[in-house]
């Protein structure tokens, strides 16, 4: 069900729309910084608030859980009540709760604030992407606008550790939550002036609250089950959580087929471009996202770098991701998006193979990970454009929310599956007779080694690092094989899609 655009609908965007894009991009940039600096602030938060290990996990995870869980509901809600209205409500809530988080006086208070930030954040991404589709109906301009929006998010990830380090050195940990407040203020002031309002002009229907509850519960259960599996391996309770989440998801789908006003229009999936692009983004994120965990642990636990220095060595990969996203619209104007996305995935495979051959050296690790993020850029930018462009304008919020949720699922599934493969290889390669903590992970082995005599500690660390590298190599090879298959399938199935060009353009 591809939306057909009339000549009037595909008019070129003017100055107001590009200014509006800047207004939308600034909060995206600063919210991205806010997400990534939290990990740097966590030690100070733990010391100041006396957070236990379990509370620290909830401080980091509460935001992501509620963000993913509420995304579909918020995307559909924006289509029905107005995308600009929902965006401004979400921005006001995000700014207010950020202040609450900054001045939290207990770990419990901060966990609640992080959960509320996740709910508010769920209004921002779908509304922003849906508004971009309204402001830029011309396919070429829309592709460029989405790339710029995505670059702002990745730019926040690139500079976040540096800004976070400076803020934490000069101020207290709560200041990291205040970074996004000025951007939300700008959005609240400028948004009504430069952003258009859009809602379904037909019969949008009422928000089906049971469907909203089912979608939130299903996503929370599945994401939580995947994260627990990634952290502790396959166990009965995480497996039961996953099964329960899948069962609730089945109930959700069945309800969407029966109710007159479904929360999610399942007819969207009948469009091949929409379905294939969504599936490719899911699998692509699954294969590439998991490697970030291996790379960060390699930098800190194998090479012995501090968290800040390790973050700085990840900047080249973030810059490569920005380059991949920026050049994608231009390439898609000359070649079909299927070839650009497929070619990018081939570059990802090359990066994964580089990681599979990397030992305890810094340069090959940085180069390999940079190739992965460079190749993933076209998938992120063009895949999002394909998903948004394939949906009717009145369903753009729902489409945007599915695009974001697929990324959340892909990342969680990647850590749970590919990460588990690496952990399994690690445990099989670690010498017999080592303490239980050392046999579970390299981080555990590092902690155990610190309490042993110097010689014994070095011997244990050397064996653990070798086992870890073997696990990373195996995980990289599995991810490379998966992405190679996806590259071929995507190139074949999306060969008819050409969203970034007009009819007069020459598409090869």
Protein backbone atom coordinates (compact mmCIF):
# COMPACT_ATOMS: atom_id res chain seq x y z
CA UNK A 1 0.00 0.00 0.00
CA UNK A 2 2.39 2.69 -1.20
CA UNK A 3 1.14 6.22 -0.80
CA UNK A 4 0.68 7.97 -4.13
CA UNK A 5 1.77 11.59 -4.07
CA UNK A 6 0.11 14.26 -6.19
CA UNK A 7 2.20 17.01 -7.88
CA UNK A 8 1.10 19.46 -5.19
CA UNK A 9 2.10 17.05 -2.45
CA UNK A 10 5.58 16.65 -3.91
CA UNK A 11 6.35 20.38 -4.02
CA UNK A 12 9.86 21.40 -3.03
CA UNK A 13 10.39 22.53 0.55
CA UNK A 14 11.36 26.14 1.17
CA UNK A 15 13.30 28.12 3.77
CA UNK A 16 10.70 27.63 6.50
CA UNK A 17 10.90 23.85 6.19
CA UNK A 18 14.70 23.81 6.41
CA UNK A 19 14.60 26.08 9.46
CA UNK A 20 12.02 23.69 10.90
CA UNK A 21 14.42 20.81 10.29
CA UNK A 22 17.09 22.63 12.31
CA UNK A 23 14.57 23.08 15.14
CA UNK A 24 13.83 19.34 15.03
CA UNK A 25 17.47 18.34 14.75
CA UNK A 26 18.79 20.31 17.73
CA UNK A 27 16.80 18.40 20.37
CA UNK A 28 17.70 15.14 18.62
CA UNK A 29 21.39 16.04 18.90
CA UNK A 30 21.23 16.97 22.57
CA UNK A 31 18.96 14.08 23.58
CA UNK A 32 21.52 11.76 21.97
CA UNK A 33 24.26 13.37 24.05
CA UNK A 34 22.09 12.96 27.16
CA UNK A 35 21.72 9.22 26.51
CA UNK A 36 25.41 8.52 25.97
CA UNK A 37 26.86 10.59 28.81
CA UNK A 38 24.84 8.70 31.43
CA UNK A 39 27.29 5.79 31.35
CA UNK A 40 30.12 8.16 32.24
CA UNK A 41 28.11 9.66 35.09
CA UNK A 42 27.01 6.32 36.55
CA UNK A 43 29.98 5.89 38.95
CA UNK A 44 29.34 9.34 40.48
CA UNK A 45 25.60 8.67 40.66
CA UNK A 46 26.21 5.37 42.42
CA UNK A 47 28.56 6.95 44.96
CA UNK A 48 26.34 9.97 45.66
CA UNK A 49 22.98 8.19 45.83
CA UNK A 50 24.26 4.88 47.20
CA UNK A 51 22.71 2.97 44.30
CA UNK A 52 23.02 -0.80 44.47
CA UNK A 53 24.06 -2.86 41.46
CA UNK A 54 20.41 -3.64 40.69
CA UNK A 55 19.44 0.01 41.02
CA UNK A 56 22.26 1.01 38.66
CA UNK A 57 20.86 -1.37 36.06
CA UNK A 58 17.41 0.16 36.40
CA UNK A 59 18.84 3.68 36.18
CA UNK A 60 20.37 2.79 32.81
CA UNK A 61 17.58 0.52 31.53
CA UNK A 62 14.37 2.22 32.69
CA UNK A 63 14.66 4.85 29.97
CA UNK A 64 15.18 2.36 27.13
CA UNK A 65 12.43 0.02 28.32
CA UNK A 66 9.74 2.70 28.48
CA UNK A 67 11.01 4.40 25.32
CA UNK A 68 10.64 1.20 23.31
CA UNK A 69 7.42 0.16 25.02
CA UNK A 70 5.55 3.42 24.36
CA UNK A 71 6.85 4.14 20.86
CA UNK A 72 4.05 2.51 18.85
CA UNK A 73 1.35 4.09 21.01
CA UNK A 74 2.90 7.55 20.72
CA UNK A 75 3.42 7.26 16.96
CA UNK A 76 -0.25 6.45 16.42
CA UNK A 77 -1.37 9.06 18.95
CA UNK A 78 0.51 11.75 17.02
CA UNK A 79 -1.23 10.74 13.80
CA UNK A 80 -4.58 11.24 15.53
CA UNK A 81 -4.24 14.30 17.77
CA UNK A 82 -1.56 16.15 15.79
CA UNK A 83 2.16 15.47 15.45
CA UNK A 84 3.31 18.97 16.38
CA UNK A 85 1.00 19.01 19.41
CA UNK A 86 2.36 15.68 20.65
CA UNK A 87 5.94 16.77 19.97
CA UNK A 88 5.52 19.97 22.00
CA UNK A 89 3.81 18.11 24.86
CA UNK A 90 6.64 15.57 24.86
CA UNK A 91 9.32 18.29 24.74
CA UNK A 92 7.79 20.10 27.72
CA UNK A 93 7.57 16.85 29.67
CA UNK A 94 11.12 15.83 28.73
CA UNK A 95 12.54 19.17 29.87
CA UNK A 96 10.64 19.14 33.17
CA UNK A 97 11.54 15.54 34.00
CA UNK A 98 15.19 16.18 33.08
CA UNK A 99 15.29 18.78 35.86
CA UNK A 100 13.68 16.25 38.20
CA UNK A 101 16.34 13.68 37.28
CA UNK A 102 19.17 16.19 37.75
CA UNK A 103 18.12 16.97 41.31
CA UNK A 104 17.16 13.44 42.38
CA UNK A 105 17.96 12.76 46.02
CA UNK A 106 17.67 8.98 45.93
CA UNK A 107 18.24 6.12 43.52
CA UNK A 108 14.51 5.34 43.53
CA UNK A 109 13.66 8.91 42.56
CA UNK A 110 16.17 8.81 39.70
CA UNK A 111 14.79 5.48 38.43
CA UNK A 112 11.26 6.96 38.33
CA UNK A 113 12.58 10.05 36.55
CA UNK A 114 14.38 7.91 33.98
CA UNK A 115 11.19 5.94 33.34
CA UNK A 116 9.23 9.17 32.85
CA UNK A 117 11.98 10.41 30.50
CA UNK A 118 11.49 7.24 28.45
CA UNK A 119 7.76 7.91 28.12
CA UNK A 120 8.39 11.53 27.13
CA UNK A 121 11.18 10.50 24.75
CA UNK A 122 8.80 8.09 23.00
CA UNK A 123 6.84 11.12 21.76
CA UNK A 124 9.89 12.80 20.21
CA UNK A 125 11.33 10.41 17.63
CA UNK A 126 8.12 9.29 15.84
CA UNK A 127 6.70 12.83 15.85
CA UNK A 128 9.95 14.27 14.50
CA UNK A 129 10.27 11.76 11.67
CA UNK A 130 6.58 12.04 10.79
CA UNK A 131 6.83 15.85 10.67
CA UNK A 132 9.84 15.56 8.36
CA UNK A 133 7.74 13.46 5.98
CA UNK A 134 5.07 16.21 6.04
CA UNK A 135 7.54 19.07 5.58
CA UNK A 136 9.53 17.36 2.81
CA UNK A 137 7.07 15.57 0.47
CA UNK A 138 9.62 15.64 -2.36
CA UNK A 139 11.41 12.25 -2.17
CA UNK A 140 14.89 13.65 -2.84
CA UNK A 141 14.59 16.36 -0.21
CA UNK A 142 13.01 13.96 2.28
CA UNK A 143 15.95 11.60 1.93
CA UNK A 144 18.40 14.46 2.55
CA UNK A 145 16.38 15.73 5.53
CA UNK A 146 16.24 12.28 7.15
CA UNK A 147 19.99 11.89 6.63
CA UNK A 148 20.64 15.24 8.32
CA UNK A 149 18.34 14.28 11.19
CA UNK A 150 20.16 10.98 11.60
CA UNK A 151 23.56 12.68 11.45
CA UNK A 152 22.51 14.89 14.36
CA UNK A 153 21.66 11.82 16.43
CA UNK A 154 24.98 10.16 15.52
CA UNK A 155 26.83 13.42 16.13
CA UNK A 156 25.49 13.42 19.66
CA UNK A 157 26.83 9.91 20.11
CA UNK A 158 30.23 11.01 18.77
CA UNK A 159 30.72 14.10 20.93
CA UNK A 160 28.67 12.92 23.90
CA UNK A 161 31.56 11.30 25.78
CA UNK A 162 33.76 14.38 25.34
CA UNK A 163 31.04 16.83 26.43
CA UNK A 164 30.06 14.51 29.24
CA UNK A 165 33.63 14.31 30.48
CA UNK A 166 33.94 18.10 30.51
CA UNK A 167 30.61 18.56 32.28
CA UNK A 168 31.39 15.95 34.92
CA UNK A 169 34.82 17.47 35.55
CA UNK A 170 33.37 20.97 36.01
CA UNK A 171 29.98 20.28 37.59
CA UNK A 172 28.08 17.50 39.36
CA UNK A 173 26.50 14.38 37.86
CA UNK A 174 23.03 15.94 37.64
CA UNK A 175 24.27 18.43 35.06
CA UNK A 176 24.34 15.71 32.39
CA UNK A 177 20.55 15.54 32.55
CA UNK A 178 20.26 19.30 32.00
CA UNK A 179 22.03 19.29 28.63
CA UNK A 180 18.81 18.76 26.70
CA UNK A 181 16.72 21.32 28.59
CA UNK A 182 17.78 24.40 26.51
CA UNK A 183 17.04 22.50 23.29
CA UNK A 184 13.56 21.62 24.52
CA UNK A 185 13.00 25.30 25.36
CA UNK A 186 14.02 26.28 21.82
CA UNK A 187 11.64 23.67 20.41
CA UNK A 188 8.75 24.94 22.54
CA UNK A 189 9.32 28.55 21.41
CA UNK A 190 10.18 28.01 17.73
CA UNK A 191 8.10 24.91 17.05
CA UNK A 192 4.71 26.65 16.75
CA UNK A 193 6.28 29.21 14.37
CA UNK A 194 8.08 26.97 11.87
CA UNK A 195 6.61 23.48 12.24
CA UNK A 196 3.36 22.54 10.49
CA UNK A 197 0.60 20.69 12.25
CA UNK A 198 -0.62 17.44 10.77
CA UNK A 199 -3.29 15.00 11.85
CA UNK A 200 -5.36 12.45 10.01
CA UNK A 201 -7.94 14.56 8.16
CA UNK A 202 -10.23 11.57 7.64
CA UNK A 203 -11.74 9.54 10.46
CA UNK A 204 -8.72 8.99 12.73
CA UNK A 205 -10.74 7.00 15.26
CA UNK A 206 -10.28 6.70 19.00
CA UNK A 207 -7.12 5.48 20.66
CA UNK A 208 -7.72 1.83 21.58
CA UNK A 209 -6.41 1.68 25.15
CA UNK A 210 -6.40 -2.14 25.42
CA UNK A 211 -4.25 -2.30 22.27
CA UNK A 212 -1.91 0.33 23.71
CA UNK A 213 -1.58 -1.68 26.93
CA UNK A 214 -0.93 -4.90 25.00
CA UNK A 215 1.76 -3.29 22.83
CA UNK A 216 3.54 -1.75 25.82
CA UNK A 217 3.48 -4.98 27.84
CA UNK A 218 4.61 -7.09 24.86
CA UNK A 219 7.57 -4.85 24.06
CA UNK A 220 8.61 -4.49 27.70
CA UNK A 221 8.54 -8.25 28.27
CA UNK A 222 10.45 -9.08 25.09
CA UNK A 223 13.12 -6.38 25.54
CA UNK A 224 13.54 -7.25 29.23
CA UNK A 225 13.84 -10.96 28.41
CA UNK A 226 16.44 -10.27 25.74
CA UNK A 227 18.47 -7.99 28.01
CA UNK A 228 18.40 -10.50 30.87
CA UNK A 229 19.48 -13.25 28.50
CA UNK A 230 22.34 -11.11 27.26
CA UNK A 231 23.44 -10.28 30.81
CA UNK A 232 23.08 -13.70 32.45
CA UNK A 233 22.79 -16.24 29.64
CA UNK A 234 19.88 -18.53 28.86
CA UNK A 235 17.89 -19.24 32.00
CA UNK A 236 14.29 -20.24 32.76
CA UNK A 237 13.06 -16.84 33.95
CA UNK A 238 14.30 -14.76 30.96
CA UNK A 239 13.05 -17.46 28.61
CA UNK A 240 9.64 -17.38 30.29
CA UNK A 241 9.60 -13.59 30.00
CA UNK A 242 10.34 -13.85 26.28
CA UNK A 243 7.60 -16.43 25.74
CA UNK A 244 5.14 -14.28 27.67
CA UNK A 245 6.08 -11.24 25.61
CA UNK A 246 5.59 -13.14 22.35
CA UNK A 247 2.21 -14.45 23.56
CA UNK A 248 1.06 -10.90 24.41
CA UNK A 249 2.30 -9.74 21.00
CA UNK A 250 0.16 -12.41 19.32
CA UNK A 251 -2.86 -11.17 21.29
CA UNK A 252 -2.02 -7.62 20.17
CA UNK A 253 -1.92 -8.61 16.49
CA UNK A 254 -5.18 -10.55 16.77
CA UNK A 255 -6.86 -7.53 18.35
CA UNK A 256 -5.64 -5.23 15.56
CA UNK A 257 -7.46 -7.44 13.07
CA UNK A 258 -10.75 -7.21 14.98
CA UNK A 259 -11.13 -3.66 16.27
CA UNK A 260 -12.49 -0.91 13.97
CA UNK A 261 -9.76 1.56 15.00
CA UNK A 262 -6.55 -0.48 15.36
CA UNK A 263 -3.56 1.03 17.10
CA UNK A 264 -1.35 -0.35 14.34
CA UNK A 265 -2.58 -0.68 10.76
CA UNK A 266 -1.36 -4.15 9.73
CA UNK A 267 -2.05 -3.23 6.09
CA UNK A 268 1.27 -1.34 6.17
CA UNK A 269 3.07 -4.68 6.05
CA UNK A 270 1.46 -5.57 2.72
CA UNK A 271 3.80 -3.12 1.02
CA UNK A 272 6.97 -5.01 0.09
CA UNK A 273 9.22 -1.96 0.36
CA UNK A 274 7.94 -1.19 3.85
CA UNK A 275 8.24 -4.77 5.13
CA UNK A 276 11.63 -5.53 3.59
CA UNK A 277 13.16 -2.23 4.73
CA UNK A 278 11.84 -2.77 8.25
CA UNK A 279 13.15 -6.34 8.36
CA UNK A 280 16.52 -5.33 6.95
CA UNK A 281 16.92 -2.62 9.59
CA UNK A 282 16.04 -5.14 12.30
CA UNK A 283 18.57 -7.74 11.16
CA UNK A 284 21.19 -5.11 10.29
CA UNK A 285 20.97 -3.60 13.76
CA UNK A 286 21.04 -7.09 15.26
CA UNK A 287 24.29 -7.95 13.51
CA UNK A 288 26.12 -4.63 13.85
CA UNK A 289 24.80 -3.35 17.20
CA UNK A 290 26.05 -6.36 19.12
CA UNK A 291 29.61 -5.69 17.98
CA UNK A 292 29.65 -2.36 19.80
CA UNK A 293 29.59 -4.27 23.08
CA UNK A 294 32.58 -6.37 22.02
CA UNK A 295 34.50 -3.32 20.82
CA UNK A 296 33.96 -1.30 24.01
CA UNK A 297 35.02 -4.26 26.18
CA UNK A 298 38.03 -4.85 23.93
CA UNK A 299 39.15 -1.25 24.36
CA UNK A 300 38.79 -1.26 28.14
CA UNK A 301 39.44 -4.85 29.24
CA UNK A 302 41.87 -6.12 26.59
CA UNK A 303 43.76 -2.90 25.82
CA UNK A 304 43.33 -1.46 29.33
CA UNK A 305 42.03 1.98 28.31
CA UNK A 306 39.95 4.15 30.61
CA UNK A 307 36.25 4.64 29.84
CA UNK A 308 36.83 8.18 28.55
CA UNK A 309 39.83 7.25 26.37
CA UNK A 310 37.92 4.23 25.04
CA UNK A 311 35.01 6.52 24.16
CA UNK A 312 37.37 8.85 22.30
CA UNK A 313 38.71 5.94 20.22
CA UNK A 314 35.13 5.21 19.17
CA UNK A 315 34.74 8.68 17.68
CA UNK A 316 36.24 7.62 14.28
CA UNK A 317 33.50 4.99 13.98
CA UNK A 318 30.82 7.56 14.81
CA UNK A 319 32.28 9.93 12.21
CA UNK A 320 32.28 7.12 9.67
CA UNK A 321 28.61 6.52 10.44
CA UNK A 322 27.88 10.21 9.83
CA UNK A 323 29.70 10.08 6.48
CA UNK A 324 27.80 6.96 5.45
CA UNK A 325 24.48 8.62 6.24
CA UNK A 326 25.33 11.91 4.52
CA UNK A 327 26.48 10.42 1.22
CA UNK A 328 23.56 7.98 0.97
CA UNK A 329 20.96 10.35 -0.57
CA UNK A 330 23.39 11.43 -3.29
CA UNK A 331 24.23 7.84 -4.12
CA UNK A 332 20.53 6.92 -4.11
CA UNK A 333 19.93 9.64 -6.69
CA UNK A 334 22.26 7.85 -9.11
CA UNK A 335 21.80 4.22 -8.16
CA UNK A 336 18.80 2.36 -6.81
CA UNK A 337 18.58 2.37 -3.00
CA UNK A 338 18.77 -1.43 -3.00
CA UNK A 339 22.27 -1.27 -4.48
CA UNK A 340 23.37 1.48 -2.06
CA UNK A 341 22.04 -0.38 0.98
CA UNK A 342 23.40 -3.72 -0.26
CA UNK A 343 26.78 -2.16 -1.00
CA UNK A 344 26.86 -0.64 2.47
CA UNK A 345 26.14 -4.02 4.02
CA UNK A 346 29.05 -5.48 2.05
CA UNK A 347 31.27 -2.80 3.66
CA UNK A 348 29.85 -3.89 7.04
CA UNK A 349 30.82 -7.48 6.25
CA UNK A 350 34.36 -6.32 5.44
CA UNK A 351 34.52 -4.56 8.81
CA UNK A 352 33.26 -7.65 10.63
CA UNK A 353 35.85 -9.82 8.90
CA UNK A 354 38.50 -7.31 9.99
CA UNK A 355 37.33 -7.70 13.60
CA UNK A 356 37.39 -11.47 13.18
CA UNK A 357 41.12 -11.23 12.42
CA UNK A 358 41.96 -8.61 15.08
CA UNK A 359 44.19 -9.50 18.00
CA UNK A 360 45.15 -7.27 20.90
CA UNK A 361 45.91 -4.28 18.65
CA UNK A 362 44.18 -0.92 18.57
CA UNK A 363 44.40 0.12 14.90
CA UNK A 364 42.69 -2.94 13.31
CA UNK A 365 39.93 -2.73 15.91
CA UNK A 366 39.20 0.94 15.16
CA UNK A 367 39.41 0.37 11.40
CA UNK A 368 37.13 -2.67 11.49
CA UNK A 369 34.50 -0.98 13.64
CA UNK A 370 34.66 2.17 11.48
CA UNK A 371 33.98 0.07 8.37
CA UNK A 372 30.96 -1.45 10.13
CA UNK A 373 29.47 1.93 11.01
CA UNK A 374 30.33 3.41 7.59
CA UNK A 375 28.50 0.57 5.85
CA UNK A 376 25.54 0.80 8.23
CA UNK A 377 24.99 4.48 7.38
CA UNK A 378 23.08 3.85 4.12
CA UNK A 379 20.84 1.28 5.81
CA UNK A 380 19.97 3.69 8.64
CA UNK A 381 19.30 6.69 6.38
CA UNK A 382 17.77 5.08 3.31
CA UNK A 383 16.00 2.34 5.27
CA UNK A 384 14.22 4.96 7.38
CA UNK A 385 13.35 6.93 4.24
CA UNK A 386 11.95 3.83 2.55
CA UNK A 387 9.79 3.01 5.58
CA UNK A 388 8.43 6.55 5.94
CA UNK A 389 7.98 7.03 2.19
CA UNK A 390 6.10 3.75 1.71
CA UNK A 391 3.45 4.64 4.28
CA UNK A 392 0.47 6.91 3.55
CA UNK A 393 0.95 10.40 4.99
CA UNK A 394 -1.74 9.84 7.64
CA UNK A 395 0.17 6.75 8.87
CA UNK A 396 3.66 8.30 8.91
CA UNK A 397 3.73 8.44 12.71
CA UNK A 398 2.98 4.74 12.99
CA UNK A 399 5.62 3.96 10.35
CA UNK A 400 8.20 6.10 12.14
CA UNK A 401 7.49 4.38 15.45
CA UNK A 402 7.96 0.94 13.87
CA UNK A 403 11.27 2.09 12.41
CA UNK A 404 12.47 3.16 15.85
CA UNK A 405 11.17 0.03 17.60
CA UNK A 406 12.91 -2.21 15.06
CA UNK A 407 16.20 -0.59 16.05
CA UNK A 408 15.52 -1.18 19.75
CA UNK A 409 14.60 -4.80 19.12
CA UNK A 410 17.54 -5.37 16.80
CA UNK A 411 20.04 -4.04 19.32
CA UNK A 412 18.59 -6.09 22.19
CA UNK A 413 18.33 -9.24 20.06
CA UNK A 414 21.87 -8.79 18.77
CA UNK A 415 23.35 -8.64 22.26
CA UNK A 416 21.22 -11.58 23.38
CA UNK A 417 22.01 -13.85 20.42
CA UNK A 418 25.35 -12.86 18.91
CA UNK A 419 26.58 -11.71 22.32
CA UNK A 420 25.62 -15.07 23.77
CA UNK A 421 27.58 -16.84 21.05
CA UNK A 422 30.68 -14.91 22.05
CA UNK A 423 30.05 -15.66 25.73
CA UNK A 424 29.64 -19.37 24.97
CA UNK A 425 32.95 -19.50 23.11
CA UNK A 426 34.62 -17.58 25.95
CA UNK A 427 33.43 -20.03 28.60
CA UNK A 428 34.50 -23.00 26.47
CA UNK A 429 38.02 -21.58 25.99
CA UNK A 430 38.69 -20.46 29.55
CA UNK A 431 40.97 -22.92 31.39
CA UNK A 432 39.35 -25.36 33.80
CA UNK A 433 39.67 -24.69 37.51
CA UNK A 434 39.52 -20.87 37.41
CA UNK A 435 37.17 -19.10 39.86
CA UNK A 436 33.51 -18.99 38.85
CA UNK A 437 33.52 -15.24 38.21
CA UNK A 438 36.47 -15.51 35.83
CA UNK A 439 34.77 -18.28 33.87
CA UNK A 440 31.69 -16.17 33.16
CA UNK A 441 33.16 -13.07 31.49
CA UNK A 442 36.30 -11.09 30.84
CA UNK A 443 35.06 -8.40 33.24
CA UNK A 444 34.71 -11.08 35.91
CA UNK A 445 38.20 -12.40 35.17
CA UNK A 446 39.61 -8.87 35.46
CA UNK A 447 38.03 -8.46 38.88
CA UNK A 448 39.28 -11.86 40.08
CA UNK A 449 42.79 -11.20 38.76
CA UNK A 450 43.00 -7.96 40.75
CA UNK A 451 42.77 -9.98 43.96
CA UNK A 452 45.44 -12.57 43.02
CA UNK A 453 49.24 -12.39 43.33
CA UNK A 454 50.80 -10.51 40.42
CA UNK A 455 52.02 -13.56 38.51
CA UNK A 456 48.82 -15.55 38.89
CA UNK A 457 46.77 -12.49 37.98
CA UNK A 458 48.72 -11.92 34.76
CA UNK A 459 48.38 -15.58 33.79
CA UNK A 460 44.62 -15.54 34.37
CA UNK A 461 44.18 -12.28 32.44
CA UNK A 462 46.20 -13.57 29.48
CA UNK A 463 44.07 -16.72 29.26
CA UNK A 464 40.83 -14.74 29.69
CA UNK A 465 41.79 -12.23 27.00
CA UNK A 466 42.64 -15.01 24.56
CA UNK A 467 39.28 -16.65 25.28
CA UNK A 468 37.53 -13.31 24.85
CA UNK A 469 39.18 -12.69 21.49
CA UNK A 470 38.11 -16.15 20.33
CA UNK A 471 34.54 -15.31 21.31
CA UNK A 472 34.66 -11.94 19.53
CA UNK A 473 36.08 -13.54 16.39
CA UNK A 474 33.32 -16.15 16.30
CA UNK A 475 30.61 -13.56 16.91
CA UNK A 476 32.01 -11.35 14.13
CA UNK A 477 32.03 -14.28 11.68
CA UNK A 478 28.41 -15.17 12.53
CA UNK A 479 27.35 -11.54 12.10
CA UNK A 480 29.25 -11.31 8.81
CA UNK A 481 27.51 -14.42 7.46
CA UNK A 482 24.10 -13.06 8.49
CA UNK A 483 24.72 -9.67 6.89
CA UNK A 484 26.01 -11.25 3.67
CA UNK A 485 22.70 -13.10 3.31
CA UNK A 486 20.74 -9.95 4.15
CA UNK A 487 22.73 -7.92 1.60
CA UNK A 488 21.84 -10.32 -1.21
CA UNK A 489 18.18 -10.61 -0.15
CA UNK A 490 17.75 -6.85 0.28
CA UNK A 491 19.30 -6.07 -3.10
CA UNK A 492 16.92 -8.52 -4.77
CA UNK A 493 13.74 -7.61 -2.89
CA UNK A 494 14.16 -3.81 -2.94
CA UNK A 495 15.38 -3.52 -6.51
CA UNK A 496 12.15 -1.76 -7.55
CA UNK A 497 12.29 0.91 -4.84
CA UNK A 498 13.51 4.35 -5.85
CA UNK A 499 12.33 6.87 -3.23
CA UNK A 500 15.12 9.41 -3.51
CA UNK A 501 14.53 10.42 -7.12
CA UNK A 502 11.83 11.97 -9.23
CA UNK A 503 10.44 10.42 -12.37
CA UNK A 504 12.73 12.53 -14.52
CA UNK A 505 15.86 11.24 -12.86
CA UNK A 506 17.96 8.53 -14.41
CA UNK A 507 18.04 5.52 -12.12
CA UNK A 508 20.47 2.76 -12.98
